[in-house]
Protein backbone atom coordinates (compact mmCIF):
# COMPACT_ATOMS: atom_id res chain seq x y z
CA THR A 1 18.26 -7.21 -6.81
CA VAL A 2 18.16 -9.13 -10.07
CA HIS A 3 20.46 -12.11 -10.55
CA ARG A 4 20.75 -14.74 -13.29
CA ILE A 5 18.45 -16.99 -11.25
CA ASP A 6 15.76 -14.30 -11.49
CA GLU A 7 15.42 -14.44 -15.28
CA ILE A 8 13.45 -16.47 -17.80
CA PHE A 9 14.87 -17.12 -21.26
CA THR A 10 12.92 -18.25 -24.33
CA ASN A 11 13.45 -18.46 -28.07
CA LYS A 12 9.72 -17.88 -28.69
CA LYS A 13 9.62 -14.11 -28.16
CA ASP A 14 6.35 -13.68 -30.10
CA ASP A 15 4.61 -16.24 -27.86
CA VAL A 16 5.19 -14.25 -24.65
CA LEU A 17 1.94 -12.54 -23.69
CA ARG A 18 3.10 -11.10 -20.39
CA SER A 19 6.05 -11.40 -18.05
CA GLY A 20 7.17 -9.80 -14.86
CA VAL A 21 8.43 -10.06 -11.31
CA LEU A 22 6.11 -10.62 -8.37
CA MET A 23 6.88 -8.40 -5.42
CA ALA A 24 6.66 -11.05 -2.69
CA ASP A 25 9.18 -11.75 0.03
CA ILE A 26 8.79 -15.53 0.09
CA SER A 27 12.51 -16.10 -0.44
CA ASP A 28 15.69 -14.14 -1.06
CA HIS A 29 14.79 -14.12 -4.79
CA LEU A 30 11.70 -12.52 -6.28
CA PRO A 31 9.32 -14.86 -8.17
CA VAL A 32 9.54 -14.36 -11.95
CA PHE A 33 6.71 -15.34 -14.30
CA ALA A 34 5.97 -15.53 -18.01
CA VAL A 35 2.58 -16.15 -19.63
CA LEU A 36 2.96 -17.81 -23.03
CA LYS A 37 0.50 -18.44 -25.85
CA ASN A 38 -0.83 -21.98 -25.83
CA LYS A 39 -1.17 -23.04 -29.44
CA GLN A 40 -2.24 -26.58 -28.59
CA LEU A 41 -5.92 -27.09 -29.25
CA ILE A 42 -7.72 -28.70 -26.36
CA LYS A 43 -10.70 -30.83 -27.30
CA GLN A 44 -13.48 -30.27 -24.81
CA GLU A 45 -16.06 -32.88 -24.06
CA THR A 46 -19.44 -31.37 -24.85
CA SER A 47 -21.59 -33.88 -22.99
CA LEU A 48 -20.44 -33.00 -19.46
CA ASN A 49 -19.25 -29.63 -18.27
CA TYR A 50 -18.46 -28.45 -14.78
CA LYS A 51 -18.61 -25.03 -13.23
CA ARG A 52 -17.20 -23.91 -9.92
CA ASP A 53 -19.32 -22.03 -7.39
CA ARG A 54 -17.84 -18.55 -7.30
CA SER A 55 -20.70 -16.86 -5.53
CA PHE A 56 -20.20 -14.17 -2.91
CA ARG A 57 -21.23 -16.66 -0.23
CA ALA A 58 -18.62 -19.21 -1.39
CA TRP A 59 -15.81 -16.61 -1.46
CA GLU A 60 -16.75 -15.33 2.01
CA ALA A 61 -16.72 -18.89 3.38
CA LEU A 62 -13.30 -19.46 1.78
CA LYS A 63 -11.92 -16.24 3.27
CA LYS A 64 -13.25 -17.19 6.70
CA ASP A 65 -11.67 -20.66 6.51
CA LEU A 66 -8.35 -19.18 5.34
CA GLU A 67 -8.32 -16.78 8.29
CA MET A 68 -8.97 -19.64 10.73
CA GLN A 69 -6.12 -21.84 9.43
CA ASN A 70 -2.94 -22.47 11.37
CA TRP A 71 -0.17 -21.41 8.97
CA GLU A 72 2.80 -22.42 11.17
CA GLU A 73 3.83 -25.27 8.86
CA VAL A 74 4.17 -22.79 5.97
CA TYR A 75 6.85 -20.84 7.83
CA VAL A 76 9.72 -23.28 7.37
CA ARG A 77 13.20 -22.84 5.89
CA ASP A 78 12.70 -25.16 2.91
CA VAL A 79 10.77 -23.17 0.30
CA ASN A 80 9.57 -26.34 -1.48
CA THR A 81 8.05 -27.73 1.71
CA ALA A 82 6.48 -24.36 2.51
CA TYR A 83 4.99 -24.03 -0.98
CA LYS A 84 3.66 -27.60 -0.98
CA SER A 85 2.07 -27.14 2.43
CA PHE A 86 0.54 -23.79 1.43
CA MET A 87 -0.91 -25.13 -1.83
CA GLU A 88 -2.34 -28.24 -0.16
CA LYS A 89 -4.14 -26.13 2.45
CA LEU A 90 -5.34 -23.59 -0.10
CA MET A 91 -6.63 -26.16 -2.60
CA LYS A 92 -8.38 -28.19 0.10
CA LEU A 93 -10.23 -25.12 1.36
CA TYR A 94 -10.93 -23.90 -2.19
CA ASN A 95 -12.41 -27.25 -3.20
CA ASN A 96 -14.48 -27.44 0.01
CA ASN A 97 -15.94 -23.93 -0.31
CA CYS A 98 -16.11 -23.41 -4.09
CA LYS A 99 -17.56 -26.74 -5.15
CA LEU A 100 -17.78 -28.04 -8.71
CA PHE A 101 -21.20 -28.79 -10.14
CA LYS A 102 -22.34 -30.28 -13.42
CA ILE A 103 -23.97 -28.14 -16.06
CA SER A 104 -25.36 -29.15 -19.43
CA GLY A 105 -23.32 -28.45 -22.56
CA LYS A 106 -26.16 -26.53 -24.19
CA ARG A 107 -26.36 -24.07 -21.32
CA VAL A 108 -22.64 -23.29 -21.63
CA ASP A 109 -22.81 -22.86 -25.39
CA GLN A 110 -25.95 -20.68 -25.31
CA PRO A 111 -26.01 -18.60 -22.11
CA TRP A 112 -28.43 -16.10 -23.71
CA MET A 113 -31.15 -18.76 -23.95
CA THR A 114 -33.25 -17.90 -20.92
CA LYS A 115 -36.18 -20.02 -19.78
CA GLY A 116 -38.59 -17.49 -21.33
CA ILE A 117 -36.86 -17.62 -24.73
CA ARG A 118 -36.84 -21.45 -24.65
CA ASN A 119 -40.58 -21.46 -23.88
CA ALA A 120 -41.24 -19.04 -26.76
CA CYS A 121 -39.21 -21.24 -29.14
CA ALA A 122 -41.11 -24.32 -27.99
CA LYS A 123 -44.47 -22.63 -28.69
CA LYS A 124 -43.34 -21.44 -32.11
CA ASN A 125 -41.75 -24.77 -33.11
CA PRO A 126 -43.61 -27.53 -31.24
CA ALA A 127 -41.64 -30.29 -33.03
CA VAL A 128 -38.30 -29.03 -31.68
């Protein structure tokens, strides 16, 4: 059932991209969410970029580790303690299995530049 605690109010109606209720029985109230436009420009550093390993192998290792975890400490009365415990376990396993690695800024900006195309450009323009 919907109660006042299950609602989100905003005066920026045009900024709401999506909203809804998650059907999850983690408490006596259903989780409510709203995705808003972020108009703040974020300046990205171009010299160093990171990418997370999201390969099939990494996801399978994460799933295996999640299945092997003892989740008893998540099943407590205090929802804040349960959530904190759950997120700590999840993020630790996620960071262990789906590691970050450095990539060059040029590779991110130009993913279509394969090794073959770079070699062809180097032959055509030796000074570059």
